[in-house]
Amino acid sequence: MTQIESREQTETTVPTCSIEPLRRVPGPRWVLVALVLFAVSGILAIEMRSRVKAAATLRTVTAQMAAPSVSVVTPKLSAPAEEVILPGNIQPFISSPIYARTDGYLKKWYFDIGARVKEGDLLAVIQTPEVDEQLAQARSTLATAQANLQLAQITKDRYDAMLKKHAVAQQDADNAEGSYTANKAIVDADTASVRHYEALVSFEKVYAPFNGVITARNTDIGDLINSGSNTAPRTDLFDISQDRTLRVYVNVPEEYSQDIKPGQTAADITLAEFTGKRFPGRVVRTSEAINATTRTLLTEIDLDNPGGTLLSGSYAEVHLKIPSRNSTFLLPVSALIFRGDKLQVGVVRNGSAAVADVTPGHDFGEEIEVVAGLQANDQVIVNPPDSLVSGEKVNVVQAALPGDSR
């Protein structure tokens, strides 16, 4: 009974459990849950995108590191008229030493170095007492000869008149005629001698032969002047130069000789003492022959110098404008590749490197002329690596030629 009772009590004490339907969550709580889920999804999407981007960047960087980077330039077309710079020597248009033409002593000089003179100006006076005496003697000899000629003329005329009357023999008349002819020849010789000494006396005064500047005075008052009539060296009294027009002589290499046209080829002159200034000149003549030793063509350029600014004897650089015969390109010398006996450059075509053989022209220092082997749209590699081979993938970095505006 006891167990039955306890069971009944137990059954009565256990609460009955009734199943009730779930309650619906209010509206605002559903919105909150949706926002949380959306935020989590966004974070996951962003994380996945960043990882994909990082992987792509890694692949790009890896590919770039695998292909070398090269700097490239586009070749420049050379100018229609290239400029050739050559050393030149400036000389006066006329330069002459002034010598004495008579012996004596320098009595006086009137102009010193740097003085500008005009044609006919008196430069110096030479004292020549011996020549003066020789002139006086020659005049006396001439007077004697003229007197003898006059007597021979009278005798001749008398004999001619008597011969017509048959008062004298023909022989006597012929003797009178011969005496007259001989005396006339003596007068002519003595007259020439007088003119000679008169000319020597006139040389006592030294005149300027043309307009110019005195560049040297090599004598002074009292100096013995020798005209060179004996074995002693002649005396150079003055040096005079005409510097209003200057001559510039330049030796043009043989390869340009056919392009030098007198009256057509332009030329500019520059000097170190006139920084940034050019003086226009004109090619007036050439030697019309190639020097067999230097293989150059001697060319003369005339340069106007009305103010006397430029000094004769100066060293100058001559800029010749020579027309280009063919269309050529200019490249920096750093783009050249020297392999064996060939001259090559590296070019980029369709993202790959290619090694091209080129034919060089003139070397301008930082740049070199290429006459064959390149195209106008080629991208030429600057400072190419020694290991560069055709077909190699490269990354292009644009560079600039020397002198390009940036």
Protein backbone atom coordinates (compact mmCIF):
# COMPACT_ATOMS: atom_id res chain seq x y z
CA MET A 1 0.00 0.00 0.00
CA THR A 2 2.78 2.27 0.86
CA GLN A 3 4.41 2.04 -2.60
CA ILE A 4 1.05 2.62 -4.26
CA GLU A 5 0.45 5.64 -2.18
CA SER A 6 3.88 7.08 -2.79
CA ARG A 7 3.39 6.56 -6.53
CA GLU A 8 0.13 8.32 -6.45
CA GLN A 9 1.65 11.15 -4.48
CA THR A 10 4.43 11.37 -6.98
CA GLU A 11 2.07 11.48 -9.85
CA THR A 12 0.15 14.18 -8.18
CA THR A 13 3.27 16.30 -7.43
CA VAL A 14 4.80 16.20 -10.98
CA PRO A 15 3.56 19.25 -12.86
CA THR A 16 1.99 18.73 -16.14
CA CYS A 17 3.78 20.34 -19.09
CA SER A 18 1.62 21.85 -21.78
CA ILE A 19 3.02 22.77 -25.24
CA GLU A 20 2.23 26.33 -26.29
CA PRO A 21 2.88 27.82 -29.77
CA LEU A 22 6.06 30.09 -30.21
CA ARG A 23 5.54 33.75 -29.84
CA ARG A 24 6.40 36.00 -32.91
CA VAL A 25 9.43 38.33 -32.43
CA PRO A 26 8.43 41.97 -32.69
CA GLY A 27 9.28 43.89 -35.96
CA PRO A 28 12.22 46.08 -34.72
CA ARG A 29 14.16 43.02 -33.57
CA TRP A 30 13.98 41.46 -37.07
CA VAL A 31 15.45 44.66 -38.61
CA LEU A 32 18.34 44.59 -36.17
CA VAL A 33 19.10 40.98 -37.00
CA ALA A 34 19.03 41.76 -40.75
CA LEU A 35 21.42 44.67 -40.32
CA VAL A 36 23.83 42.52 -38.38
CA LEU A 37 23.75 39.84 -41.05
CA PHE A 38 24.28 42.46 -43.81
CA ALA A 39 27.24 43.99 -41.98
CA VAL A 40 28.86 40.60 -41.50
CA SER A 41 28.34 39.82 -45.20
CA GLY A 42 29.87 43.17 -46.22
CA ILE A 43 32.90 42.63 -44.04
CA LEU A 44 33.40 39.19 -45.52
CA ALA A 45 33.03 40.58 -49.09
CA ILE A 46 35.53 43.36 -48.43
CA GLU A 47 38.02 40.95 -46.96
CA MET A 48 37.67 38.60 -49.91
CA ARG A 49 38.05 41.47 -52.39
CA SER A 50 41.19 42.79 -50.67
CA ARG A 51 42.69 39.33 -50.74
CA VAL A 52 41.90 38.93 -54.44
CA LYS A 53 43.39 42.37 -55.15
CA ALA A 54 46.49 41.57 -53.12
CA ALA A 55 46.93 38.36 -55.07
CA ALA A 56 46.58 40.22 -58.37
CA THR A 57 49.06 42.89 -57.24
CA LEU A 58 51.48 40.20 -56.22
CA ARG A 59 51.19 38.58 -59.63
CA THR A 60 51.73 41.98 -61.34
CA VAL A 61 54.76 42.84 -59.21
CA THR A 62 56.19 39.41 -59.81
CA ALA A 63 55.75 39.81 -63.55
CA GLN A 64 57.33 43.27 -63.46
CA MET A 65 60.27 42.01 -61.46
CA ALA A 66 60.72 39.22 -63.92
CA ALA A 67 60.93 41.74 -66.89
CA PRO A 68 63.66 44.44 -66.63
CA SER A 69 62.71 48.12 -66.84
CA VAL A 70 64.37 50.12 -69.62
CA SER A 71 64.39 53.82 -70.44
CA VAL A 72 63.58 54.61 -74.06
CA VAL A 73 63.74 57.65 -76.30
CA THR A 74 62.35 58.38 -79.73
CA PRO A 75 65.12 59.24 -82.22
CA LYS A 76 65.19 62.86 -83.35
CA LEU A 77 65.31 63.79 -87.00
CA SER A 78 68.43 65.76 -87.83
CA ALA A 79 68.00 69.34 -88.98
CA PRO A 80 67.73 70.05 -92.73
CA ALA A 81 71.00 71.97 -92.43
CA GLU A 82 73.46 70.61 -89.93
CA GLU A 83 75.95 72.85 -88.19
CA VAL A 84 79.61 71.97 -88.38
CA ILE A 85 81.89 73.74 -85.90
CA LEU A 86 85.52 74.16 -86.95
CA PRO A 87 88.46 76.19 -85.60
CA GLY A 88 89.31 79.33 -87.53
CA ASN A 89 92.00 81.98 -87.65
CA ILE A 90 91.04 85.66 -87.97
CA GLN A 91 93.35 87.73 -90.16
CA PRO A 92 93.17 91.32 -91.43
CA PHE A 93 91.85 91.84 -94.92
CA ILE A 94 95.15 93.50 -95.84
CA SER A 95 98.31 93.33 -93.79
CA SER A 96 101.59 94.85 -94.91
CA PRO A 97 104.99 95.66 -93.44
CA ILE A 98 106.25 99.13 -94.39
CA TYR A 99 109.90 99.09 -95.52
CA ALA A 100 112.24 101.92 -96.40
CA ARG A 101 113.21 102.37 -100.06
CA THR A 102 116.25 104.48 -99.33
CA ASP A 103 119.21 104.37 -96.95
CA GLY A 104 119.65 106.88 -94.17
CA TYR A 105 118.67 107.70 -90.60
CA LEU A 106 115.17 108.01 -89.19
CA LYS A 107 114.55 111.70 -88.65
CA LYS A 108 111.00 111.57 -87.26
CA TRP A 109 107.97 109.28 -86.95
CA TYR A 110 104.37 110.49 -86.58
CA PHE A 111 102.23 107.46 -85.62
CA ASP A 112 102.65 104.77 -82.99
CA ILE A 113 100.96 101.39 -82.48
CA GLY A 114 97.18 101.47 -82.32
CA ALA A 115 96.95 104.65 -84.35
CA ARG A 116 94.46 104.66 -87.19
CA VAL A 117 95.78 106.19 -90.39
CA LYS A 118 94.36 107.03 -93.79
CA GLU A 119 95.86 106.37 -97.16
CA GLY A 120 98.54 109.00 -97.88
CA ASP A 121 99.21 109.98 -94.25
CA LEU A 122 102.87 110.75 -93.56
CA LEU A 123 104.25 108.08 -91.24
CA ALA A 124 107.94 108.95 -90.97
CA VAL A 125 110.78 110.98 -92.48
CA ILE A 126 114.22 109.52 -93.27
CA GLN A 127 117.31 111.73 -93.48
CA THR A 128 119.48 110.74 -96.50
CA PRO A 129 122.40 113.17 -97.00
CA GLU A 130 124.29 110.79 -99.31
CA VAL A 131 121.31 110.46 -101.62
CA ASP A 132 120.84 114.22 -101.66
CA GLU A 133 124.45 114.67 -102.79
CA GLN A 134 124.09 111.95 -105.41
CA LEU A 135 121.05 113.74 -106.77
CA ALA A 136 122.97 117.03 -107.00
CA GLN A 137 125.83 115.28 -108.81
CA ALA A 138 123.41 113.62 -111.23
CA ARG A 139 121.79 116.96 -112.02
CA SER A 140 125.20 118.51 -112.71
CA THR A 141 126.14 115.64 -115.00
CA LEU A 142 122.83 116.07 -116.79
CA ALA A 143 123.46 119.80 -117.25
CA THR A 144 126.88 119.04 -118.82
CA ALA A 145 125.33 116.47 -121.11
CA GLN A 146 122.61 118.89 -122.16
CA ALA A 147 125.23 121.54 -122.99
CA ASN A 148 127.17 119.07 -125.13
CA LEU A 149 123.93 118.04 -126.83
CA GLN A 150 123.13 121.66 -127.63
CA LEU A 151 126.60 122.16 -129.17
CA ALA A 152 126.21 118.95 -131.17
CA GLN A 153 122.82 120.18 -132.40
CA ILE A 154 124.32 123.45 -133.62
CA THR A 155 127.22 121.66 -135.33
CA LYS A 156 124.85 119.20 -136.97
CA ASP A 157 122.58 121.96 -138.28
CA ARG A 158 125.58 123.89 -139.64
CA TYR A 159 127.00 120.88 -141.47
CA ASP A 160 123.58 120.03 -142.89
CA ALA A 161 123.29 123.53 -144.35
CA MET A 162 126.80 123.46 -145.78
CA LEU A 163 126.26 120.00 -147.25
CA LYS A 164 123.38 121.31 -149.32
CA LYS A 165 125.78 123.83 -150.89
CA HIS A 166 128.42 121.14 -151.32
CA ALA A 167 130.74 123.13 -149.07
CA VAL A 168 131.66 120.13 -146.88
CA ALA A 169 132.14 116.48 -147.51
CA GLN A 170 129.44 113.96 -146.71
CA GLN A 171 131.78 112.38 -144.17
CA ASP A 172 131.93 115.54 -142.10
CA ALA A 173 128.15 115.82 -142.07
CA ASP A 174 127.82 112.22 -140.97
CA ASN A 175 130.31 112.78 -138.13
CA ALA A 176 128.29 115.74 -136.90
CA GLU A 177 125.10 113.63 -137.05
CA GLY A 178 126.75 110.83 -135.03
CA SER A 179 128.06 113.24 -132.40
CA TYR A 180 124.57 114.68 -131.97
CA THR A 181 123.02 111.21 -131.57
CA ALA A 182 125.64 110.15 -129.00
CA ASN A 183 125.17 113.30 -126.93
CA LYS A 184 121.41 112.87 -127.03
CA ALA A 185 121.78 109.31 -125.63
CA ILE A 186 124.03 110.65 -122.86
CA VAL A 187 121.39 113.24 -121.95
CA ASP A 188 118.71 110.52 -121.83
CA ALA A 189 120.86 108.39 -119.53
CA ASP A 190 121.68 111.29 -117.25
CA THR A 191 118.00 112.24 -117.15
CA ALA A 192 117.12 108.74 -116.03
CA SER A 193 119.83 108.91 -113.37
CA VAL A 194 118.36 112.15 -112.05
CA ARG A 195 114.88 110.64 -111.92
CA HIS A 196 116.34 107.67 -110.04
CA TYR A 197 117.86 109.84 -107.35
CA GLU A 198 114.78 112.02 -107.20
CA ALA A 199 112.75 108.90 -106.50
CA LEU A 200 115.17 107.91 -103.75
CA VAL A 201 114.87 111.34 -102.25
CA SER A 202 111.08 111.10 -102.43
CA PHE A 203 111.33 107.86 -100.43
CA GLU A 204 112.65 109.93 -97.55
CA LYS A 205 108.99 110.40 -96.67
CA VAL A 206 107.10 107.23 -95.81
CA TYR A 207 103.34 107.31 -96.44
CA ALA A 208 100.50 104.97 -95.47
CA PRO A 209 99.53 102.79 -98.46
CA PHE A 210 95.91 102.27 -97.32
CA ASN A 211 93.48 102.98 -94.50
CA GLY A 212 94.28 100.89 -91.46
CA VAL A 213 95.75 100.63 -88.01
CA ILE A 214 99.43 100.61 -87.05
CA THR A 215 100.08 97.26 -85.38
CA ALA A 216 103.87 97.58 -84.95
CA ARG A 217 106.58 100.25 -84.96
CA ASN A 218 110.01 98.70 -85.24
CA THR A 219 112.29 101.75 -85.36
CA ASP A 220 112.96 105.02 -83.55
CA ILE A 221 114.55 108.39 -84.18
CA GLY A 222 118.21 108.09 -85.13
CA ASP A 223 118.05 104.44 -86.18
CA LEU A 224 120.04 103.44 -89.25
CA ILE A 225 117.66 102.62 -92.08
CA ASN A 226 118.64 100.07 -94.70
CA SER A 227 116.63 99.71 -97.87
CA GLY A 228 118.07 96.30 -98.63
CA SER A 229 120.42 97.52 -101.33
CA ASN A 230 123.29 95.63 -99.68
CA THR A 231 123.65 92.37 -97.78
CA ALA A 232 122.28 93.83 -94.55
CA PRO A 233 118.65 92.93 -93.75
CA ARG A 234 115.98 95.43 -94.59
CA THR A 235 114.40 97.59 -91.91
CA ASP A 236 110.70 97.01 -91.21
CA LEU A 237 109.56 100.47 -90.12
CA PHE A 238 105.86 99.79 -89.45
CA ASP A 239 103.25 97.07 -89.75
CA ILE A 240 99.83 98.24 -90.89
CA SER A 241 96.59 96.25 -91.11
CA GLN A 242 93.21 96.93 -92.63
CA ASP A 243 90.77 95.54 -90.07
CA ARG A 244 87.38 96.97 -91.08
CA THR A 245 86.88 93.73 -92.99
CA LEU A 246 88.49 90.57 -91.67
CA ARG A 247 89.34 87.28 -93.32
CA VAL A 248 88.64 84.06 -91.43
CA TYR A 249 90.45 81.02 -92.77
CA VAL A 250 89.14 77.57 -91.89
CA ASN A 251 90.14 74.09 -93.04
CA VAL A 252 86.96 72.20 -93.97
CA PRO A 253 87.18 68.37 -93.87
CA GLU A 254 87.04 66.67 -97.24
CA GLU A 255 83.65 65.05 -96.53
CA TYR A 256 82.03 68.50 -96.44
CA SER A 257 84.03 70.01 -99.31
CA GLN A 258 81.28 69.50 -101.93
CA ASP A 259 78.76 71.34 -99.74
CA ILE A 260 80.82 74.55 -99.44
CA LYS A 261 79.45 77.02 -101.99
CA PRO A 262 80.97 80.54 -102.10
CA GLY A 263 78.22 83.12 -101.78
CA GLN A 264 75.68 80.52 -100.62
CA THR A 265 77.00 78.73 -97.54
CA ALA A 266 76.14 80.60 -94.33
CA ALA A 267 78.75 80.95 -91.61
CA ASP A 268 78.68 82.40 -88.10
CA ILE A 269 81.76 83.28 -86.07
CA THR A 270 81.98 82.94 -82.28
CA LEU A 271 84.80 83.97 -79.97
CA ALA A 272 85.45 83.05 -76.36
CA GLU A 273 85.61 86.71 -75.32
CA PHE A 274 82.08 87.36 -76.67
CA THR A 275 80.01 84.77 -74.83
CA GLY A 276 76.69 83.96 -76.50
CA LYS A 277 77.27 86.35 -79.42
CA ARG A 278 77.56 85.36 -83.06
CA PHE A 279 79.05 87.42 -85.87
CA PRO A 280 77.61 86.69 -89.33
CA GLY A 281 80.13 86.01 -92.08
CA ARG A 282 80.02 84.91 -95.69
CA VAL A 283 81.98 82.29 -97.57
CA VAL A 284 83.68 84.16 -100.43
CA ARG A 285 86.18 81.68 -101.88
CA THR A 286 87.92 78.35 -101.46
CA SER A 287 91.27 77.03 -102.61
CA GLU A 288 89.45 74.65 -105.01
CA ALA A 289 91.89 71.92 -104.00
CA ILE A 290 92.14 69.40 -101.18
CA ASN A 291 95.31 69.63 -99.12
CA ALA A 292 97.06 66.30 -99.56
CA THR A 293 98.48 66.40 -96.01
CA THR A 294 95.44 67.43 -93.97
CA ARG A 295 92.72 66.28 -96.41
CA THR A 296 90.94 69.60 -95.93
CA LEU A 297 89.67 72.42 -98.13
CA LEU A 298 91.01 75.88 -97.27
CA THR A 299 88.02 78.22 -97.12
CA GLU A 300 87.93 81.99 -96.68
CA ILE A 301 85.10 83.73 -94.84
CA ASP A 302 84.84 87.52 -94.89
CA LEU A 303 83.62 89.20 -91.73
CA ASP A 304 82.53 92.83 -91.47
CA ASN A 305 84.15 94.69 -88.56
CA PRO A 306 83.15 98.35 -88.98
CA GLY A 307 83.67 99.25 -85.33
CA GLY A 308 86.97 97.45 -84.97
CA THR A 309 85.48 95.26 -82.24
CA LEU A 310 87.16 92.07 -83.41
CA LEU A 311 90.93 91.83 -83.30
CA SER A 312 92.99 90.25 -86.03
CA GLY A 313 94.95 87.20 -84.98
CA SER A 314 92.15 85.96 -82.70
CA TYR A 315 91.14 82.32 -82.46
CA ALA A 316 87.54 81.76 -83.49
CA GLU A 317 85.03 78.98 -83.96
CA VAL A 318 83.36 78.85 -87.36
CA HIS A 319 79.77 77.53 -87.47
CA LEU A 320 79.06 76.38 -91.01
CA LYS A 321 75.47 75.66 -92.07
CA ILE A 322 75.79 72.64 -94.34
CA PRO A 323 72.62 71.13 -95.88
CA SER A 324 71.91 67.51 -94.96
CA ARG A 325 71.91 65.15 -97.92
CA ASN A 326 69.73 62.41 -96.35
CA SER A 327 67.17 62.13 -93.55
CA THR A 328 69.07 60.92 -90.51
CA PHE A 329 68.41 60.45 -86.81
CA LEU A 330 70.15 61.65 -83.67
CA LEU A 331 70.63 59.40 -80.65
CA PRO A 332 72.45 59.79 -77.35
CA VAL A 333 75.75 57.92 -77.40
CA SER A 334 74.62 56.02 -74.29
CA ALA A 335 72.17 54.09 -76.50
CA LEU A 336 74.93 52.40 -78.50
CA ILE A 337 75.86 48.74 -78.08
CA PHE A 338 79.34 47.67 -79.12
CA ARG A 339 79.48 43.97 -79.92
CA GLY A 340 82.26 42.68 -82.12
CA ASP A 341 82.71 44.77 -85.23
CA LYS A 342 79.06 45.89 -85.33
CA LEU A 343 77.38 48.95 -83.91
CA GLN A 344 73.92 48.17 -82.53
CA VAL A 345 71.09 49.70 -80.53
CA GLY A 346 68.26 48.17 -78.52
CA VAL A 347 64.71 49.00 -79.56
CA VAL A 348 61.36 48.08 -78.00
CA ARG A 349 58.74 46.63 -80.32
CA ASN A 350 55.42 45.20 -79.09
CA GLY A 351 56.68 45.07 -75.51
CA SER A 352 59.80 43.08 -76.38
CA ALA A 353 63.39 44.14 -76.91
CA ALA A 354 65.13 43.82 -80.26
CA VAL A 355 68.76 44.41 -81.13
CA ALA A 356 69.16 46.33 -84.41
CA ASP A 357 72.29 46.99 -86.45
CA VAL A 358 72.78 50.67 -87.29
CA THR A 359 75.11 52.69 -89.50
CA PRO A 360 76.67 55.67 -87.72
CA GLY A 361 77.20 59.10 -89.24
CA HIS A 362 78.82 62.10 -87.59
CA ASP A 363 79.75 62.09 -83.92
CA PHE A 364 78.58 65.27 -82.14
CA GLY A 365 79.87 64.41 -78.67
CA GLU A 366 76.81 63.66 -76.55
CA GLU A 367 74.83 62.66 -79.64
CA ILE A 368 75.61 60.57 -82.68
CA GLU A 369 74.05 60.57 -86.12
CA VAL A 370 72.48 57.33 -87.39
CA VAL A 371 72.09 57.17 -91.15
CA ALA A 372 70.57 53.67 -91.47
CA GLY A 373 68.94 50.96 -89.34
CA LEU A 374 66.26 52.98 -87.49
CA GLN A 375 62.68 54.06 -88.07
CA ALA A 376 61.08 57.30 -86.90
CA ASN A 377 58.67 55.53 -84.48
CA ASP A 378 61.24 53.22 -82.89
CA GLN A 379 61.67 53.33 -79.13
CA VAL A 380 65.42 53.19 -78.53
CA ILE A 381 66.72 51.88 -75.20
CA VAL A 382 69.07 54.20 -73.33
CA ASN A 383 71.90 52.55 -71.38
CA PRO A 384 70.95 49.03 -72.50
CA PRO A 385 72.21 46.17 -70.30
CA ASP A 386 74.96 43.97 -71.69
CA SER A 387 72.67 40.96 -71.38
CA LEU A 388 69.99 42.43 -73.66
CA VAL A 389 68.82 39.95 -76.29
CA SER A 390 66.14 40.09 -78.95
CA GLY A 391 62.70 38.87 -77.83
CA GLU A 392 63.23 39.68 -74.15
CA LYS A 393 60.18 41.17 -72.40
CA VAL A 394 60.88 44.63 -70.95
CA ASN A 395 59.08 47.37 -69.08
CA VAL A 396 59.27 50.77 -70.81
CA VAL A 397 60.16 53.99 -69.00
CA GLN A 398 60.12 57.11 -71.18
CA ALA A 399 63.32 59.14 -71.18
CA ALA A 400 64.43 62.31 -73.00
CA LEU A 401 67.15 63.23 -75.41
CA PRO A 402 69.76 65.83 -74.39
CA GLY A 403 68.42 69.30 -75.04
CA ASP A 404 64.75 68.28 -75.04
CA SER A 405 62.41 70.60 -73.15
CA ARG A 406 60.89 69.05 -70.08
